Amino acid sequence: MRDQIESDIRGWDAIHDHRTGTAGDAATTEWLAGLVRGAGAEPHVDAFPFERRAPRECSVTVDGRTAPGLPLFDGGLTDAAGLSGPLTGLADGPGTPGGIALARYESSGGAATEALLHARKSGRHAGIVAIAEGRRVEPGLAPLNADAFGAPFGPPALQVGSEHADWLEAAAARDALARLTAHMRIEQTVASNVQARVAGARPALAPLVIMTPISAWWTGTAERAGGVAVWLACLRHIAAERPERDVVFAANTGHELGHVGLHRFLRANPGLGAGAHAWIHLGANVAARGGALRCQASDEALLRLATTEMRQAGVAPESVAPLGRRPGGEARDVYDAGGRYVSLVGGNRWFHHPDDRWPHTIDIDKAERVVEAALAIAGELARGRA
């Protein structure tokens, strides 16, 4: 099993760009569909039209010095010429009305990210430059997910790497004139989900759904490949042993863009959100080196099942989400639909970072133990015992 897990993770890492609607996204679909077929199941590729935001000139320039960046994909845009205004730090107050605010953020969230969100909603700023903090996440440019991708809001906002902090903050301290360019081209492209269904002995029973996201800002190996490897292990195991109930396997694109792939899957399967026996969400960072595991569940029975199996496999969660609280990741969409779920997620010092690559961000021993736990959880739910 260990060799297979490593092979799956290496296969993911060999595709360098997993961003939704890109050539890498299409390559991921083709690769994963082949592995589904090799597991003895029939893959269904659900390809759909997608409007991709393709970055063009994206930078901030002050006194002839330029920092390249990546716009928030759910924020405003500029044209190719950009916009100009005084650069003012949010830490010094609300910023100059009509100017360009200088903010901080962390891809994993926190107070600075909340302050950035407030600035975007305030209506005070012509533009925002947001510097990655590089504290809980490695220094560099690790972008935020675009949760409002379907309904962008706020002014143009450019994310830049932590290495530009000193000179940009010095410029903001004197309200230096800055030019912000957040120019993206809207491209008509295609994105796709991969699905499979393993028929159970009692098809009248409500199905079990096992899902994982299959897109990321960059390669995202620790972020995404662990969940994909666990998903494939569950598929291979369940396809080889006919379950009591049908088991639906869903691997959805669009994670970084407001879960657009999962939303499409839910629209195509009305009633499944609340009507499934349960959902297993194999979320971010479950095989990340040094990352703490977290368990989220909709009810006491599923929480008890998941934490028991995780402890027995040697990967006891370091934290457990309070029952009833809206969870993180794709599990939140199941929560919103009124469904039952158990969700495994984790931390990652390379979260959304371009250096999240095999092998240095992956703990293969941990991945093997998470697979063991997930197989036990899925087995119990497929047999209808929880």
Protein backbone atom coordinates (compact mmCIF):
# COMPACT_ATOMS: atom_id res chain seq x y z
CA MET A 1 0.00 0.00 0.00
CA ARG A 2 2.84 2.40 0.81
CA ASP A 3 4.32 2.08 -2.68
CA GLN A 4 0.92 2.80 -4.24
CA ILE A 5 0.40 5.88 -2.05
CA GLU A 6 3.82 7.22 -3.01
CA SER A 7 3.12 6.53 -6.68
CA ASP A 8 -0.16 8.44 -6.52
CA ILE A 9 1.48 11.41 -4.79
CA ARG A 10 4.36 11.44 -7.28
CA GLY A 11 1.84 11.29 -10.12
CA TRP A 12 0.09 14.37 -8.79
CA ASP A 13 3.39 16.21 -8.31
CA ALA A 14 4.44 15.47 -11.90
CA ILE A 15 1.67 17.83 -13.08
CA HIS A 16 3.06 21.21 -12.05
CA ASP A 17 -0.01 23.43 -12.48
CA HIS A 18 -3.35 22.32 -11.02
CA ARG A 19 -5.18 25.65 -11.31
CA THR A 20 -8.81 25.36 -12.42
CA GLY A 21 -9.44 25.63 -16.15
CA THR A 22 -5.78 25.32 -17.18
CA ALA A 23 -3.98 22.72 -19.26
CA GLY A 24 -2.73 21.27 -15.98
CA ASP A 25 -6.31 20.91 -14.76
CA ALA A 26 -7.13 18.95 -17.93
CA ALA A 27 -4.03 16.80 -17.45
CA THR A 28 -5.09 16.09 -13.87
CA THR A 29 -8.49 14.92 -15.07
CA GLU A 30 -6.95 12.60 -17.67
CA TRP A 31 -4.45 11.19 -15.15
CA LEU A 32 -7.06 10.62 -12.46
CA ALA A 33 -9.61 9.07 -14.83
CA GLY A 34 -6.97 6.55 -15.87
CA LEU A 35 -6.32 5.60 -12.25
CA VAL A 36 -10.05 5.24 -11.60
CA ARG A 37 -10.30 2.88 -14.56
CA GLY A 38 -7.28 0.96 -13.31
CA ALA A 39 -9.02 0.54 -9.96
CA GLY A 40 -11.84 -1.34 -11.67
CA ALA A 41 -14.39 1.49 -11.79
CA GLU A 42 -15.75 3.44 -14.73
CA PRO A 43 -14.75 7.12 -14.59
CA HIS A 44 -17.24 9.80 -15.54
CA VAL A 45 -15.58 13.03 -16.61
CA ASP A 46 -17.94 15.97 -16.21
CA ALA A 47 -16.45 18.73 -18.37
CA PHE A 48 -18.13 22.12 -18.25
CA PRO A 49 -17.61 25.61 -19.71
CA PHE A 50 -15.58 27.85 -17.45
CA GLU A 51 -14.61 31.53 -17.52
CA ARG A 52 -10.99 31.63 -16.42
CA ARG A 53 -9.26 34.71 -15.09
CA ALA A 54 -5.82 34.60 -16.72
CA PRO A 55 -3.29 37.03 -15.16
CA ARG A 56 -1.54 39.44 -17.51
CA GLU A 57 0.37 42.42 -16.07
CA CYS A 58 0.00 42.17 -12.29
CA SER A 59 2.36 44.32 -10.23
CA VAL A 60 2.85 47.35 -7.98
CA THR A 61 5.49 49.96 -8.81
CA VAL A 62 6.87 52.69 -6.54
CA ASP A 63 9.76 55.01 -7.53
CA GLY A 64 10.77 52.69 -10.36
CA ARG A 65 10.83 49.56 -8.19
CA THR A 66 8.34 46.81 -9.03
CA ALA A 67 6.90 43.88 -7.11
CA PRO A 68 5.10 41.27 -9.23
CA GLY A 69 2.04 39.64 -7.74
CA LEU A 70 -1.22 37.80 -8.19
CA PRO A 71 -4.59 39.55 -7.92
CA LEU A 72 -7.33 38.29 -5.67
CA PHE A 73 -9.47 36.25 -8.04
CA ASP A 74 -12.67 37.45 -6.38
CA GLY A 75 -11.72 41.13 -6.36
CA GLY A 76 -11.78 44.00 -8.82
CA LEU A 77 -9.45 44.36 -11.80
CA THR A 78 -7.65 47.16 -13.62
CA ASP A 79 -6.96 47.59 -17.29
CA ALA A 80 -3.44 47.19 -18.66
CA ALA A 81 -2.52 50.74 -17.62
CA GLY A 82 -3.38 50.16 -13.97
CA LEU A 83 -4.23 52.89 -11.46
CA SER A 84 -2.16 55.32 -9.42
CA GLY A 85 -2.49 56.78 -5.95
CA PRO A 86 -0.74 57.30 -2.62
CA LEU A 87 0.28 54.10 -0.86
CA THR A 88 -0.81 54.09 2.81
CA GLY A 89 -0.48 51.36 5.41
CA LEU A 90 -3.64 50.07 7.05
CA ALA A 91 -1.72 49.81 10.32
CA ASP A 92 -1.49 53.63 10.35
CA GLY A 93 -5.26 54.05 10.18
CA PRO A 94 -8.00 53.46 7.64
CA GLY A 95 -5.79 54.63 4.77
CA THR A 96 -6.08 57.61 2.45
CA PRO A 97 -9.56 57.71 0.86
CA GLY A 98 -9.21 56.96 -2.82
CA GLY A 99 -5.63 55.81 -2.37
CA ILE A 100 -3.95 52.42 -2.43
CA ALA A 101 -4.00 50.64 0.91
CA LEU A 102 -1.10 48.43 1.99
CA ALA A 103 -2.30 45.40 3.95
CA ARG A 104 -1.02 42.06 5.20
CA TYR A 105 -2.50 38.57 4.97
CA GLU A 106 -1.76 34.90 5.58
CA SER A 107 -3.08 32.17 3.28
CA SER A 108 -4.16 30.19 6.35
CA GLY A 109 -6.25 33.09 7.70
CA GLY A 110 -5.95 35.10 10.91
CA ALA A 111 -6.32 38.70 12.09
CA ALA A 112 -4.39 40.28 9.22
CA THR A 113 -6.50 38.42 6.67
CA GLU A 114 -9.67 39.60 8.43
CA ALA A 115 -8.38 43.20 8.29
CA LEU A 116 -7.78 42.78 4.56
CA LEU A 117 -11.34 41.53 4.09
CA HIS A 118 -12.66 44.56 6.00
CA ALA A 119 -10.61 46.90 3.82
CA ARG A 120 -12.00 45.28 0.68
CA LYS A 121 -15.55 45.82 1.92
CA SER A 122 -15.03 49.36 3.21
CA GLY A 123 -15.33 51.21 -0.10
CA ARG A 124 -12.53 53.59 0.94
CA HIS A 125 -9.73 52.40 -1.31
CA ALA A 126 -9.09 52.65 -5.04
CA GLY A 127 -6.86 49.61 -4.74
CA ILE A 128 -5.13 47.36 -2.23
CA VAL A 129 -1.69 45.76 -2.13
CA ALA A 130 -1.61 42.79 0.27
CA ILE A 131 1.76 41.42 1.44
CA ALA A 132 2.01 37.77 2.44
CA GLU A 133 3.12 37.63 6.08
CA GLY A 134 5.27 34.52 5.69
CA ARG A 135 4.95 33.49 9.34
CA ARG A 136 2.68 30.47 9.75
CA VAL A 137 3.25 29.79 6.04
CA GLU A 138 6.69 29.82 4.41
CA PRO A 139 7.94 33.20 3.10
CA GLY A 140 7.02 34.02 -0.48
CA LEU A 141 3.71 34.40 -2.30
CA ALA A 142 1.01 32.04 -1.03
CA PRO A 143 -2.33 33.37 -2.32
CA LEU A 144 -5.73 33.42 -0.70
CA ASN A 145 -8.58 31.34 -2.06
CA ALA A 146 -11.27 33.23 -3.94
CA ASP A 147 -14.35 32.19 -1.98
CA ALA A 148 -16.46 34.83 -3.76
CA PHE A 149 -15.24 33.91 -7.25
CA GLY A 150 -18.81 33.84 -8.57
CA ALA A 151 -19.55 37.33 -7.20
CA PRO A 152 -16.33 39.39 -7.09
CA PHE A 153 -16.30 42.44 -4.83
CA GLY A 154 -14.13 45.32 -3.73
CA PRO A 155 -11.35 47.24 -5.47
CA PRO A 156 -8.45 45.70 -7.39
CA ALA A 157 -6.30 43.87 -4.83
CA LEU A 158 -2.82 42.52 -5.57
CA GLN A 159 -1.09 39.88 -3.44
CA VAL A 160 2.71 40.11 -3.33
CA GLY A 161 5.40 37.99 -1.71
CA SER A 162 6.74 38.57 1.80
CA GLU A 163 10.16 39.51 0.38
CA HIS A 164 8.73 42.88 -0.71
CA ALA A 165 7.50 43.89 2.74
CA ASP A 166 10.33 46.19 3.85
CA TRP A 167 10.48 48.51 0.88
CA LEU A 168 6.71 48.65 0.36
CA GLU A 169 6.13 49.49 4.02
CA ALA A 170 8.81 52.19 3.84
CA ALA A 171 7.05 53.64 0.79
CA ALA A 172 3.69 53.56 2.57
CA ALA A 173 5.16 55.37 5.58
CA ARG A 174 5.70 58.43 3.35
CA ASP A 175 2.52 58.05 1.27
CA ALA A 176 4.59 57.48 -1.87
CA LEU A 177 2.85 57.49 -5.23
CA ALA A 178 2.28 53.93 -6.44
CA ARG A 179 0.93 52.33 -9.60
CA LEU A 180 -1.13 49.18 -9.13
CA THR A 181 -1.87 46.91 -12.08
CA ALA A 182 -4.19 43.94 -11.66
CA HIS A 183 -4.94 43.09 -15.25
CA MET A 184 -6.45 39.72 -16.12
CA ARG A 185 -7.90 38.42 -19.35
CA ILE A 186 -11.19 36.53 -19.19
CA GLU A 187 -10.78 33.31 -21.18
CA GLN A 188 -13.49 30.86 -22.21
CA THR A 189 -12.14 27.46 -21.31
CA VAL A 190 -13.20 24.10 -19.86
CA ALA A 191 -12.91 22.67 -16.36
CA SER A 192 -13.83 19.16 -15.26
CA ASN A 193 -14.73 16.90 -12.36
CA VAL A 194 -14.05 13.16 -12.16
CA GLN A 195 -16.64 10.81 -10.67
CA ALA A 196 -17.21 7.09 -10.23
CA ARG A 197 -19.91 4.97 -8.64
CA VAL A 198 -19.43 1.55 -7.06
CA ALA A 199 -22.74 -0.30 -6.95
CA GLY A 200 -23.79 -1.78 -3.63
CA ALA A 201 -25.67 -4.96 -2.86
CA ARG A 202 -28.64 -2.92 -1.60
CA PRO A 203 -29.11 -0.03 -4.03
CA ALA A 204 -32.22 1.18 -2.21
CA LEU A 205 -29.99 2.38 0.63
CA ALA A 206 -28.87 6.00 0.60
CA PRO A 207 -25.38 6.22 -0.92
CA LEU A 208 -22.11 7.11 0.74
CA VAL A 209 -20.18 9.94 -0.97
CA ILE A 210 -16.39 10.19 -0.75
CA MET A 211 -15.04 13.44 -2.13
CA THR A 212 -11.75 15.29 -2.49
CA PRO A 213 -10.75 18.48 -4.35
CA ILE A 214 -8.41 18.23 -7.34
CA SER A 215 -7.29 21.80 -8.01
CA ALA A 216 -4.82 24.21 -6.42
CA TRP A 217 -3.05 27.51 -7.07
CA TRP A 218 0.21 25.83 -8.03
CA THR A 219 1.32 22.20 -7.67
CA GLY A 220 -0.03 21.94 -4.12
CA THR A 221 1.35 18.49 -3.41
CA ALA A 222 0.98 18.39 0.38
CA GLU A 223 -2.24 20.38 0.14
CA ARG A 224 -4.01 18.14 -2.36
CA ALA A 225 -2.12 14.94 -3.22
CA GLY A 226 -2.63 13.34 0.18
CA GLY A 227 -6.40 13.60 -0.14
CA VAL A 228 -6.26 12.29 -3.70
CA ALA A 229 -4.13 9.31 -2.63
CA VAL A 230 -6.55 8.48 0.20
CA TRP A 231 -9.52 8.86 -2.19
CA LEU A 232 -7.90 6.44 -4.65
CA ALA A 233 -7.10 3.96 -1.88
CA CYS A 234 -10.75 3.99 -0.79
CA LEU A 235 -11.89 3.50 -4.39
CA ARG A 236 -9.56 0.54 -4.97
CA HIS A 237 -10.61 -1.11 -1.72
CA ILE A 238 -14.36 -0.60 -2.13
CA ALA A 239 -14.36 -1.55 -5.82
CA ALA A 240 -12.71 -4.86 -4.88
CA GLU A 241 -15.25 -5.64 -2.14
CA ARG A 242 -18.87 -4.98 -3.04
CA PRO A 243 -20.34 -2.65 -0.40
CA GLU A 244 -23.83 -2.80 1.07
CA ARG A 245 -24.77 0.61 -0.30
CA ASP A 246 -23.71 2.47 -3.43
CA VAL A 247 -20.57 4.54 -2.94
CA VAL A 248 -20.16 7.68 -5.04
CA PHE A 249 -16.62 9.00 -5.56
CA ALA A 250 -16.39 12.69 -6.46
CA ALA A 251 -13.13 14.49 -7.27
CA ASN A 252 -13.97 18.12 -7.95
CA THR A 253 -12.08 21.00 -9.48
CA GLY A 254 -12.50 24.66 -8.51
CA HIS A 255 -11.42 24.35 -4.90
CA GLU A 256 -9.46 27.62 -4.90
CA LEU A 257 -12.30 29.42 -6.69
CA GLY A 258 -15.25 29.10 -4.33
CA HIS A 259 -15.69 25.33 -4.81
CA VAL A 260 -17.19 25.78 -8.29
CA GLY A 261 -16.69 22.10 -9.16
CA LEU A 262 -18.48 20.85 -6.06
CA HIS A 263 -21.31 23.30 -6.65
CA ARG A 264 -21.74 21.88 -10.14
CA PHE A 265 -21.72 18.34 -8.73
CA LEU A 266 -24.41 19.23 -6.18
CA ARG A 267 -26.58 20.89 -8.84
CA ALA A 268 -26.28 17.80 -11.04
CA ASN A 269 -27.28 15.58 -8.11
CA PRO A 270 -30.14 17.41 -6.40
CA GLY A 271 -30.99 16.00 -3.02
CA LEU A 272 -27.65 14.25 -2.59
CA GLY A 273 -26.31 16.91 -0.25
CA ALA A 274 -28.85 16.07 2.44
CA GLY A 275 -29.94 12.68 1.11
CA ALA A 276 -26.65 10.79 1.18
CA HIS A 277 -26.12 8.41 4.08
CA ALA A 278 -22.95 10.41 4.79
CA TRP A 279 -20.17 12.31 3.07
CA ILE A 280 -16.46 11.72 3.69
CA HIS A 281 -14.48 14.86 2.87
CA LEU A 282 -10.78 14.19 2.31
CA GLY A 283 -9.59 17.74 2.63
CA ALA A 284 -6.39 19.73 2.58
CA ASN A 285 -3.02 18.75 3.97
CA VAL A 286 -3.83 15.29 5.34
CA ALA A 287 -0.33 14.06 4.40
CA ALA A 288 1.58 17.30 5.01
CA ARG A 289 4.87 17.07 6.87
CA GLY A 290 4.54 18.61 10.33
CA GLY A 291 0.90 19.60 9.89
CA ALA A 292 -1.64 19.03 12.66
CA LEU A 293 -4.70 16.95 11.71
CA ARG A 294 -8.21 18.18 12.46
CA CYS A 295 -11.47 16.24 12.40
CA GLN A 296 -14.81 17.85 11.56
CA ALA A 297 -18.12 15.98 11.77
CA SER A 298 -21.81 16.74 11.64
CA ASP A 299 -22.89 14.58 14.58
CA GLU A 300 -21.64 12.65 17.56
CA ALA A 301 -21.85 9.22 15.89
CA LEU A 302 -19.68 10.24 12.94
CA LEU A 303 -17.25 12.11 15.15
CA ARG A 304 -16.86 9.08 17.42
CA LEU A 305 -16.33 6.77 14.43
CA ALA A 306 -13.72 9.03 12.83
CA THR A 307 -11.72 9.84 15.95
CA THR A 308 -11.72 6.20 17.08
CA GLU A 309 -10.39 4.96 13.74
CA MET A 310 -7.84 7.77 13.52
CA ARG A 311 -6.49 6.95 16.98
CA GLN A 312 -6.29 3.25 16.16
CA ALA A 313 -4.36 4.07 12.98
CA GLY A 314 -1.90 6.24 14.91
CA VAL A 315 -3.09 9.61 13.56
CA ALA A 316 -5.30 10.90 16.36
CA PRO A 317 -6.57 14.38 15.45
CA GLU A 318 -4.84 17.21 17.30
CA SER A 319 -8.07 19.19 17.24
CA VAL A 320 -11.77 18.49 16.76
CA ALA A 321 -14.24 21.04 15.42
CA PRO A 322 -17.18 21.73 17.74
CA LEU A 323 -20.35 19.98 16.63
CA GLY A 324 -22.78 22.34 14.94
CA ARG A 325 -20.17 24.84 13.80
CA ARG A 326 -19.90 25.48 10.06
CA PRO A 327 -16.79 23.55 8.96
CA GLY A 328 -13.97 24.55 6.67
CA GLY A 329 -13.29 23.27 3.16
CA GLU A 330 -15.83 21.53 0.98
CA ALA A 331 -17.52 20.06 4.05
CA ARG A 332 -19.13 23.46 4.53
CA ASP A 333 -21.21 22.95 1.37
CA VAL A 334 -22.52 19.66 2.76
CA TYR A 335 -23.26 21.44 6.04
CA ASP A 336 -25.14 24.16 4.14
CA ALA A 337 -27.19 21.47 2.36
CA GLY A 338 -28.12 19.84 5.67
CA GLY A 339 -26.08 16.67 5.09
CA ARG A 340 -24.11 14.36 7.36
CA TYR A 341 -20.35 14.50 6.97
CA VAL A 342 -17.00 13.59 8.41
CA SER A 343 -14.07 15.69 7.26
CA LEU A 344 -10.31 15.22 7.62
CA VAL A 345 -8.14 18.32 7.15
CA GLY A 346 -4.74 19.46 8.33
CA GLY A 347 -2.16 22.21 8.57
CA ASN A 348 0.71 22.86 6.18
CA ARG A 349 3.61 25.32 6.35
CA TRP A 350 3.59 25.43 2.54
CA PHE A 351 -0.15 26.13 2.27
CA HIS A 352 -0.84 27.61 -1.20
CA HIS A 353 2.90 28.09 -1.68
CA PRO A 354 4.63 27.31 -5.01
CA ASP A 355 7.25 25.28 -3.12
CA ASP A 356 4.66 22.75 -1.90
CA ARG A 357 6.26 19.85 -3.76
CA TRP A 358 7.29 16.23 -3.38
CA PRO A 359 9.17 15.05 -1.39
CA HIS A 360 10.01 17.69 1.21
CA THR A 361 6.43 18.67 2.13
CA ILE A 362 5.07 15.10 2.38
CA ASP A 363 5.08 12.70 5.34
CA ILE A 364 4.56 9.33 3.68
CA ASP A 365 4.25 7.47 7.00
CA LYS A 366 1.45 9.81 8.00
CA ALA A 367 -0.21 9.36 4.61
CA GLU A 368 -0.21 5.59 5.09
CA ARG A 369 -1.82 5.91 8.52
CA VAL A 370 -4.47 8.31 7.22
CA VAL A 371 -5.29 5.81 4.47
CA GLU A 372 -5.70 3.10 7.13
CA ALA A 373 -8.07 5.30 9.11
CA ALA A 374 -10.06 6.38 6.05
CA LEU A 375 -10.49 2.79 4.85
CA ALA A 376 -11.91 1.85 8.24
CA ILE A 377 -14.26 4.85 8.32
CA ALA A 378 -15.43 4.26 4.76
CA GLY A 379 -15.88 0.55 5.40
CA GLU A 380 -18.14 1.17 8.38
CA LEU A 381 -20.23 3.73 6.52
CA ALA A 382 -20.47 1.63 3.35
CA ARG A 383 -21.80 -1.22 5.50
CA GLY A 384 -24.29 1.13 7.13
CA ARG A 385 -23.04 0.74 10.68
CA ALA A 386 -22.85 4.46 11.45
